[in-house]
Amino acid sequence: MSDRVGIVACGALAVHVRRIARRRGWPVDVVPVPALLHNHPKRIPGAVAARVAELRERYAAVAVAYADCGTYGALDAELEGSGVPRLRGDHCYDVFGGTDVQRALEAEPGTYLLTDFLARTFEHTVVRELGLDRHPELRDALFGNYTRVLWLAQVDAPDTRAAAERVAASLGLPLEVRHVGDEGLEQELERLITTVGCAA
């Protein structure tokens, strides 16, 4: 049984989790679940539970780097009684942006949120997966009520900024940028690691 922490991570967060763990020197092994499950949130609880079951056979400590992610409590119900904690928040946007996200949505409910991962993978995870490349007329049906794109920048790299600009242009919406970094995720990961009994 490994004395490291096995973390089941959303595929959209796995790179960030690994980077933070390396920088902090945490004894963490990250096992991602496909990010495309965000297009099918009903499948997230079962997929996460299956990974947790696998890891519990090999790790004394297991945690879940997932917010609720549109499962409307089903993920918590799946984990209930397991002693396996997860990230707090309804979505990873909450983890990265905290109360800034809530205020942004209250100020302008028609806000489409982007993370670095979503900006870089939008063509695949959204355009192709939702069929917008084959049926561009669906754009207005899916995005017609949005009024802006808000990029929650973890790292303001030129290539990611260019990707965020392409997303906004493809949706015909103005782009706003908010620099949030990884601090919110790092704090939540530290809480998880402490909760499962490892020194952070």
Foldseek 3Di string as FASTA:
>chain_A
DDAAEEEEEEPLCQVVVVVLCVVVVGRYDYDYDYNLCLVVLCCVLVSSLVVVVVVVVPYLHYEYAFELSPNVCSNVVSCPPVLHYYFYDNGVCCLQPPVNVVVVCVVPVLEAEAELSCLVCVCPSPCVVVVCVPVVVCLCVVRVSHAAYEYAYQDPDPVSVVSQVVVCVSSVHYYHYDDRHCVSVSVRVCVSCVSRPHHD
